[in-house]
All heavy atoms as atom14 arrays in JSON, in Angstrom:
{
  "sequence": "QALVQDPKLVVLDEPTAGVDPEGSRQIRDLLLDLK",
  "atom14_mask": [
    [1, 1, 1, 1, 1, 1, 1, 1, 1, 0, 0, 0, 0, 0],
    [1, 1, 1, 1, 1, 0, 0, 0, 0, 0, 0, 0, 0, 0],
    [1, 1, 1, 1, 1, 1, 1, 1, 0, 0, 0, 0, 0, 0],
    [1, 1, 1, 1, 1, 1, 1, 0, 0, 0, 0, 0, 0, 0],
    [1, 1, 1, 1, 1, 1, 1, 1, 1, 0, 0, 0, 0, 0],
    [1, 1, 1, 1, 1, 1, 1, 1, 0, 0, 0, 0, 0, 0],
    [1, 1, 1, 1, 1, 1, 1, 0, 0, 0, 0, 0, 0, 0],
    [1, 1, 1, 1, 1, 1, 1, 1, 1, 0, 0, 0, 0, 0],
    [1, 1, 1, 1, 1, 1, 1, 1, 0, 0, 0, 0, 0, 0],
    [1, 1, 1, 1, 1, 1, 1, 0, 0, 0, 0, 0, 0, 0],
    [1, 1, 1, 1, 1, 1, 1, 0, 0, 0, 0, 0, 0, 0],
    [1, 1, 1, 1, 1, 1, 1, 1, 0, 0, 0, 0, 0, 0],
    [1, 1, 1, 1, 1, 1, 1, 1, 0, 0, 0, 0, 0, 0],
    [1, 1, 1, 1, 1, 1, 1, 1, 1, 0, 0, 0, 0, 0],
    [1, 1, 1, 1, 1, 1, 1, 0, 0, 0, 0, 0, 0, 0],
    [1, 1, 1, 1, 1, 1, 1, 0, 0, 0, 0, 0, 0, 0],
    [1, 1, 1, 1, 1, 0, 0, 0, 0, 0, 0, 0, 0, 0],
    [1, 1, 1, 1, 0, 0, 0, 0, 0, 0, 0, 0, 0, 0],
    [1, 1, 1, 1, 1, 1, 1, 0, 0, 0, 0, 0, 0, 0],
    [1, 1, 1, 1, 1, 1, 1, 1, 0, 0, 0, 0, 0, 0],
    [1, 1, 1, 1, 1, 1, 1, 0, 0, 0, 0, 0, 0, 0],
    [1, 1, 1, 1, 1, 1, 1, 1, 1, 0, 0, 0, 0, 0],
    [1, 1, 1, 1, 0, 0, 0, 0, 0, 0, 0, 0, 0, 0],
    [1, 1, 1, 1, 1, 1, 0, 0, 0, 0, 0, 0, 0, 0],
    [1, 1, 1, 1, 1, 1, 1, 1, 1, 1, 1, 0, 0, 0],
    [1, 1, 1, 1, 1, 1, 1, 1, 1, 0, 0, 0, 0, 0],
    [1, 1, 1, 1, 1, 1, 1, 1, 0, 0, 0, 0, 0, 0],
    [1, 1, 1, 1, 1, 1, 1, 1, 1, 1, 1, 0, 0, 0],
    [1, 1, 1, 1, 1, 1, 1, 1, 0, 0, 0, 0, 0, 0],
    [1, 1, 1, 1, 1, 1, 1, 1, 0, 0, 0, 0, 0, 0],
    [1, 1, 1, 1, 1, 1, 1, 1, 0, 0, 0, 0, 0, 0],
    [1, 1, 1, 1, 1, 1, 1, 1, 0, 0, 0, 0, 0, 0],
    [1, 1, 1, 1, 1, 1, 1, 1, 0, 0, 0, 0, 0, 0],
    [1, 1, 1, 1, 1, 1, 1, 1, 0, 0, 0, 0, 0, 0],
    [1, 1, 1, 1, 1, 1, 1, 1, 1, 0, 0, 0, 0, 0]
  ],
  "atom14_positions": [
    [[0.69, 23.48, -54.22], [1.09, 23.19, -55.61], [1.41, 21.68, -55.81], [1.24, 21.15, -56.92], [2.28, 24.05, -56.08], [3.64, 23.81, -55.37], [4.38, 22.67, -55.89], [4.2, 22.29, -57.11], [5.29, 22.1, -55.12], [0.0, 0.0, 0.0], [0.0, 0.0, 0.0], [0.0, 0.0, 0.0], [0.0, 0.0, 0.0], [0.0, 0.0, 0.0]],
    [[1.96, 21.04, -54.79], [2.25, 19.62, -54.84], [0.94, 18.8, -54.94], [0.98, 17.68, -55.37], [3.05, 19.22, -53.63], [0.0, 0.0, 0.0], [0.0, 0.0, 0.0], [0.0, 0.0, 0.0], [0.0, 0.0, 0.0], [0.0, 0.0, 0.0], [0.0, 0.0, 0.0], [0.0, 0.0, 0.0], [0.0, 0.0, 0.0], [0.0, 0.0, 0.0]],
    [[-0.2, 19.42, -54.48], [-1.46, 18.59, -54.47], [-2.35, 19.07, -55.59], [-3.5, 18.56, -55.66], [-2.11, 18.87, -53.13], [-1.41, 18.43, -51.91], [-2.16, 18.91, -50.66], [-1.24, 16.92, -51.89], [0.0, 0.0, 0.0], [0.0, 0.0, 0.0], [0.0, 0.0, 0.0], [0.0, 0.0, 0.0], [0.0, 0.0, 0.0], [0.0, 0.0, 0.0]],
    [[-1.87, 19.94, -56.39], [-2.91, 20.58, -57.37], [-3.55, 19.58, -58.34], [-4.7, 19.71, -58.67], [-2.13, 21.71, -58.2], [-1.11, 21.1, -59.16], [-3.21, 22.61, -58.91], [0.0, 0.0, 0.0], [0.0, 0.0, 0.0], [0.0, 0.0, 0.0], [0.0, 0.0, 0.0], [0.0, 0.0, 0.0], [0.0, 0.0, 0.0], [0.0, 0.0, 0.0]],
    [[-2.81, 18.56, -58.77], [-3.47, 17.61, -59.7], [-3.97, 16.33, -58.9], [-4.22, 15.33, -59.51], [-2.42, 17.14, -60.78], [-1.43, 15.97, -60.34], [-0.22, 16.48, -59.58], [-0.3, 17.52, -58.87], [0.87, 15.91, -59.79], [0.0, 0.0, 0.0], [0.0, 0.0, 0.0], [0.0, 0.0, 0.0], [0.0, 0.0, 0.0], [0.0, 0.0, 0.0]],
    [[-4.16, 16.45, -57.64], [-4.65, 15.42, -56.78], [-3.86, 14.16, -57.01], [-4.4, 13.13, -57.3], [-6.16, 15.16, -57.08], [-6.85, 14.29, -56.0], [-6.32, 14.29, -54.88], [-7.81, 13.64, -56.32], [0.0, 0.0, 0.0], [0.0, 0.0, 0.0], [0.0, 0.0, 0.0], [0.0, 0.0, 0.0], [0.0, 0.0, 0.0], [0.0, 0.0, 0.0]],
    [[-2.51, 14.12, -56.65], [-1.7, 13.04, -56.89], [-2.0, 11.83, -55.9], [-2.44, 12.05, -54.84], [-0.29, 13.68, -56.61], [-0.47, 14.66, -55.54], [-1.89, 15.27, -55.97], [0.0, 0.0, 0.0], [0.0, 0.0, 0.0], [0.0, 0.0, 0.0], [0.0, 0.0, 0.0], [0.0, 0.0, 0.0], [0.0, 0.0, 0.0], [0.0, 0.0, 0.0]],
    [[-1.56, 10.65, -56.42], [-1.72, 9.46, -55.53], [-0.46, 9.37, -54.64], [-0.59, 8.84, -53.46], [-1.72, 8.21, -56.42], [-2.89, 8.15, -57.27], [-3.09, 6.76, -57.89], [-1.88, 6.42, -58.8], [-2.0, 5.04, -59.44], [0.0, 0.0, 0.0], [0.0, 0.0, 0.0], [0.0, 0.0, 0.0], [0.0, 0.0, 0.0], [0.0, 0.0, 0.0]],
    [[0.65, 9.88, -54.94], [1.89, 9.95, -54.22], [2.34, 11.35, -53.94], [2.47, 12.07, -54.98], [2.99, 9.1, -54.83], [4.4, 9.17, -54.27], [4.44, 8.61, -52.79], [5.42, 8.44, -55.08], [0.0, 0.0, 0.0], [0.0, 0.0, 0.0], [0.0, 0.0, 0.0], [0.0, 0.0, 0.0], [0.0, 0.0, 0.0], [0.0, 0.0, 0.0]],
    [[2.6, 11.7, -52.66], [3.14, 13.0, -52.39], [4.51, 12.83, -51.79], [4.67, 12.17, -50.72], [2.2, 13.81, -51.38], [2.74, 15.18, -51.13], [0.81, 13.81, -52.0], [0.0, 0.0, 0.0], [0.0, 0.0, 0.0], [0.0, 0.0, 0.0], [0.0, 0.0, 0.0], [0.0, 0.0, 0.0], [0.0, 0.0, 0.0], [0.0, 0.0, 0.0]],
    [[5.54, 13.5, -52.33], [6.92, 13.47, -51.88], [7.31, 14.79, -51.36], [7.28, 15.79, -52.08], [7.85, 13.01, -53.03], [9.28, 12.92, -52.51], [7.45, 11.69, -53.58], [0.0, 0.0, 0.0], [0.0, 0.0, 0.0], [0.0, 0.0, 0.0], [0.0, 0.0, 0.0], [0.0, 0.0, 0.0], [0.0, 0.0, 0.0], [0.0, 0.0, 0.0]],
    [[7.7, 14.82, -50.1], [7.98, 16.09, -49.39], [9.35, 16.02, -48.77], [9.66, 15.21, -47.93], [6.95, 16.39, -48.28], [5.47, 16.2, -48.67], [4.57, 16.33, -47.41], [5.1, 17.3, -49.64], [0.0, 0.0, 0.0], [0.0, 0.0, 0.0], [0.0, 0.0, 0.0], [0.0, 0.0, 0.0], [0.0, 0.0, 0.0], [0.0, 0.0, 0.0]],
    [[10.25, 16.87, -49.23], [11.6, 17.03, -48.74], [11.71, 18.18, -47.68], [11.63, 19.32, -48.02], [12.64, 17.28, -49.87], [14.0, 16.99, -49.46], [14.29, 16.67, -48.27], [14.96, 17.26, -50.32], [0.0, 0.0, 0.0], [0.0, 0.0, 0.0], [0.0, 0.0, 0.0], [0.0, 0.0, 0.0], [0.0, 0.0, 0.0], [0.0, 0.0, 0.0]],
    [[11.75, 17.76, -46.41], [11.83, 18.78, -45.32], [10.68, 19.77, -45.41], [10.89, 20.98, -45.54], [13.13, 19.47, -45.28], [14.33, 18.62, -45.06], [14.4, 18.06, -43.62], [13.69, 18.53, -42.77], [15.27, 17.17, -43.37], [0.0, 0.0, 0.0], [0.0, 0.0, 0.0], [0.0, 0.0, 0.0], [0.0, 0.0, 0.0], [0.0, 0.0, 0.0]],
    [[9.4, 19.36, -45.27], [8.3, 20.27, -45.47], [8.19, 21.37, -44.38], [7.55, 22.4, -44.6], [7.08, 19.34, -45.48], [7.53, 18.19, -44.72], [8.95, 17.98, -45.07], [0.0, 0.0, 0.0], [0.0, 0.0, 0.0], [0.0, 0.0, 0.0], [0.0, 0.0, 0.0], [0.0, 0.0, 0.0], [0.0, 0.0, 0.0], [0.0, 0.0, 0.0]],
    [[8.8, 21.09, -43.21], [8.76, 22.12, -42.15], [10.1, 22.85, -41.9], [10.26, 23.48, -40.89], [8.25, 21.4, -40.86], [9.24, 20.29, -40.55], [6.88, 20.88, -40.97], [0.0, 0.0, 0.0], [0.0, 0.0, 0.0], [0.0, 0.0, 0.0], [0.0, 0.0, 0.0], [0.0, 0.0, 0.0], [0.0, 0.0, 0.0], [0.0, 0.0, 0.0]],
    [[10.96, 22.79, -42.92], [12.27, 23.4, -42.72], [12.09, 24.94, -42.61], [11.41, 25.59, -43.4], [13.18, 23.1, -43.95], [0.0, 0.0, 0.0], [0.0, 0.0, 0.0], [0.0, 0.0, 0.0], [0.0, 0.0, 0.0], [0.0, 0.0, 0.0], [0.0, 0.0, 0.0], [0.0, 0.0, 0.0], [0.0, 0.0, 0.0], [0.0, 0.0, 0.0]],
    [[12.61, 25.51, -41.46], [12.68, 26.98, -41.28], [11.22, 27.47, -40.86], [11.07, 28.63, -40.83], [0.0, 0.0, 0.0], [0.0, 0.0, 0.0], [0.0, 0.0, 0.0], [0.0, 0.0, 0.0], [0.0, 0.0, 0.0], [0.0, 0.0, 0.0], [0.0, 0.0, 0.0], [0.0, 0.0, 0.0], [0.0, 0.0, 0.0], [0.0, 0.0, 0.0]],
    [[10.34, 26.61, -40.53], [8.99, 26.99, -40.06], [8.83, 27.14, -38.59], [9.36, 26.26, -37.92], [7.93, 26.03, -40.74], [6.49, 26.48, -40.34], [8.05, 25.98, -42.2], [0.0, 0.0, 0.0], [0.0, 0.0, 0.0], [0.0, 0.0, 0.0], [0.0, 0.0, 0.0], [0.0, 0.0, 0.0], [0.0, 0.0, 0.0], [0.0, 0.0, 0.0]],
    [[8.21, 28.15, -38.08], [7.92, 28.31, -36.7], [7.01, 27.17, -36.14], [6.29, 26.45, -36.9], [7.44, 29.63, -36.33], [6.04, 29.99, -36.88], [5.26, 29.05, -37.05], [5.81, 31.18, -37.23], [0.0, 0.0, 0.0], [0.0, 0.0, 0.0], [0.0, 0.0, 0.0], [0.0, 0.0, 0.0], [0.0, 0.0, 0.0], [0.0, 0.0, 0.0]],
    [[6.92, 26.95, -34.78], [6.07, 25.92, -34.31], [4.64, 25.92, -34.72], [4.07, 24.9, -34.93], [6.25, 26.05, -32.78], [7.6, 26.7, -32.56], [7.74, 27.6, -33.76], [0.0, 0.0, 0.0], [0.0, 0.0, 0.0], [0.0, 0.0, 0.0], [0.0, 0.0, 0.0], [0.0, 0.0, 0.0], [0.0, 0.0, 0.0], [0.0, 0.0, 0.0]],
    [[4.06, 27.13, -34.78], [2.62, 27.16, -35.23], [2.53, 26.74, -36.7], [1.61, 25.95, -37.0], [2.13, 28.56, -34.98], [0.62, 28.71, -35.34], [0.04, 30.05, -35.05], [0.75, 30.9, -34.59], [-1.19, 30.21, -35.28], [0.0, 0.0, 0.0], [0.0, 0.0, 0.0], [0.0, 0.0, 0.0], [0.0, 0.0, 0.0], [0.0, 0.0, 0.0]],
    [[3.38, 27.21, -37.49], [3.38, 26.78, -38.96], [3.67, 25.36, -39.08], [3.01, 24.64, -39.87], [0.0, 0.0, 0.0], [0.0, 0.0, 0.0], [0.0, 0.0, 0.0], [0.0, 0.0, 0.0], [0.0, 0.0, 0.0], [0.0, 0.0, 0.0], [0.0, 0.0, 0.0], [0.0, 0.0, 0.0], [0.0, 0.0, 0.0], [0.0, 0.0, 0.0]],
    [[4.49, 24.8, -38.28], [4.86, 23.4, -38.28], [3.57, 22.52, -37.89], [3.36, 21.5, -38.47], [5.99, 23.06, -37.32], [6.22, 21.68, -37.35], [0.0, 0.0, 0.0], [0.0, 0.0, 0.0], [0.0, 0.0, 0.0], [0.0, 0.0, 0.0], [0.0, 0.0, 0.0], [0.0, 0.0, 0.0], [0.0, 0.0, 0.0], [0.0, 0.0, 0.0]],
    [[2.88, 23.03, -36.92], [1.64, 22.26, -36.51], [0.57, 22.33, -37.62], [-0.04, 21.3, -37.87], [1.13, 22.97, -35.25], [-0.21, 22.35, -34.7], [-0.11, 20.77, -34.46], [0.84, 20.56, -33.37], [0.55, 20.38, -32.13], [-0.73, 20.61, -31.77], [1.47, 20.14, -31.24], [0.0, 0.0, 0.0], [0.0, 0.0, 0.0], [0.0, 0.0, 0.0]],
    [[0.49, 23.44, -38.31], [-0.52, 23.51, -39.47], [-0.11, 22.5, -40.51], [-0.96, 21.87, -41.12], [-0.46, 24.93, -39.99], [-1.09, 25.93, -39.03], [-1.01, 27.38, -39.51], [-0.1, 27.71, -40.3], [-1.86, 28.32, -39.03], [0.0, 0.0, 0.0], [0.0, 0.0, 0.0], [0.0, 0.0, 0.0], [0.0, 0.0, 0.0], [0.0, 0.0, 0.0]],
    [[1.21, 22.4, -40.86], [1.65, 21.46, -41.87], [1.38, 20.08, -41.42], [1.04, 19.16, -42.11], [3.14, 21.66, -42.25], [3.29, 23.07, -42.89], [3.66, 20.63, -43.06], [4.68, 23.54, -43.17], [0.0, 0.0, 0.0], [0.0, 0.0, 0.0], [0.0, 0.0, 0.0], [0.0, 0.0, 0.0], [0.0, 0.0, 0.0], [0.0, 0.0, 0.0]],
    [[1.67, 19.8, -40.08], [1.44, 18.45, -39.51], [-0.08, 18.13, -39.71], [-0.42, 16.95, -40.11], [1.79, 18.42, -38.06], [1.58, 17.03, -37.45], [1.09, 17.1, -35.99], [-0.29, 17.67, -35.95], [-0.98, 17.55, -34.83], [-0.49, 17.05, -33.77], [-2.22, 18.1, -34.85], [0.0, 0.0, 0.0], [0.0, 0.0, 0.0], [0.0, 0.0, 0.0]],
    [[-0.99, 19.0, -39.48], [-2.42, 18.81, -39.66], [-2.78, 18.5, -41.12], [-3.64, 17.69, -41.4], [-3.22, 20.01, -39.17], [-3.16, 20.15, -37.61], [-2.76, 19.21, -36.98], [-3.49, 21.28, -37.15], [0.0, 0.0, 0.0], [0.0, 0.0, 0.0], [0.0, 0.0, 0.0], [0.0, 0.0, 0.0], [0.0, 0.0, 0.0], [0.0, 0.0, 0.0]],
    [[-2.06, 19.16, -42.02], [-2.29, 18.9, -43.48], [-1.81, 17.46, -43.76], [-2.53, 16.73, -44.56], [-1.49, 19.92, -44.29], [-2.01, 21.26, -44.35], [-1.02, 22.18, -45.09], [-3.4, 21.31, -45.09], [0.0, 0.0, 0.0], [0.0, 0.0, 0.0], [0.0, 0.0, 0.0], [0.0, 0.0, 0.0], [0.0, 0.0, 0.0], [0.0, 0.0, 0.0]],
    [[-0.81, 17.09, -43.18], [-0.22, 15.73, -43.49], [-1.21, 14.61, -42.88], [-1.46, 13.68, -43.54], [1.13, 15.51, -42.87], [2.28, 16.3, -43.44], [3.53, 16.11, -42.67], [2.5, 15.94, -44.93], [0.0, 0.0, 0.0], [0.0, 0.0, 0.0], [0.0, 0.0, 0.0], [0.0, 0.0, 0.0], [0.0, 0.0, 0.0], [0.0, 0.0, 0.0]],
    [[-1.77, 14.94, -41.76], [-2.79, 14.08, -41.17], [-4.05, 13.93, -42.04], [-4.65, 12.95, -42.18], [-3.12, 14.42, -39.8], [-2.06, 14.22, -38.67], [-2.5, 14.92, -37.28], [-1.78, 12.79, -38.46], [0.0, 0.0, 0.0], [0.0, 0.0, 0.0], [0.0, 0.0, 0.0], [0.0, 0.0, 0.0], [0.0, 0.0, 0.0], [0.0, 0.0, 0.0]],
    [[-4.42, 15.09, -42.63], [-5.54, 15.11, -43.57], [-5.28, 14.26, -44.8], [-6.13, 13.58, -45.3], [-5.85, 16.56, -43.95], [-7.1, 16.67, -44.83], [-8.25, 16.47, -44.22], [-7.0, 16.97, -46.0], [0.0, 0.0, 0.0], [0.0, 0.0, 0.0], [0.0, 0.0, 0.0], [0.0, 0.0, 0.0], [0.0, 0.0, 0.0], [0.0, 0.0, 0.0]],
    [[-4.09, 14.41, -45.33], [-3.65, 13.53, -46.47], [-3.76, 12.08, -46.18], [-4.14, 11.25, -47.0], [-2.2, 13.88, -46.93], [-2.05, 15.26, -47.61], [-0.55, 15.46, -47.89], [-2.85, 15.43, -48.85], [0.0, 0.0, 0.0], [0.0, 0.0, 0.0], [0.0, 0.0, 0.0], [0.0, 0.0, 0.0], [0.0, 0.0, 0.0], [0.0, 0.0, 0.0]],
    [[-3.31, 11.8, -44.93], [-3.35, 10.32, -44.46], [-4.78, 9.89, -44.39], [-5.08, 8.73, -44.8], [-2.71, 10.3, -43.07], [-2.53, 8.86, -42.55], [-1.81, 8.93, -41.13], [-1.6, 7.54, -40.64], [-0.72, 7.61, -39.39], [0.0, 0.0, 0.0], [0.0, 0.0, 0.0], [0.0, 0.0, 0.0], [0.0, 0.0, 0.0], [0.0, 0.0, 0.0]]
  ]
}
C-alpha cells in the first residue's frame, strides 16, 4: 500500500517489527529491489 502510487520517497517505520527471520529476509529483498 505504501508503494501503490509509485512514490519517489518511501518512509518505513520499523518495517520488520514482529516479523520472523524468513519474513524479515523477504522484506529486506523488497528494500533492495526499491534501491
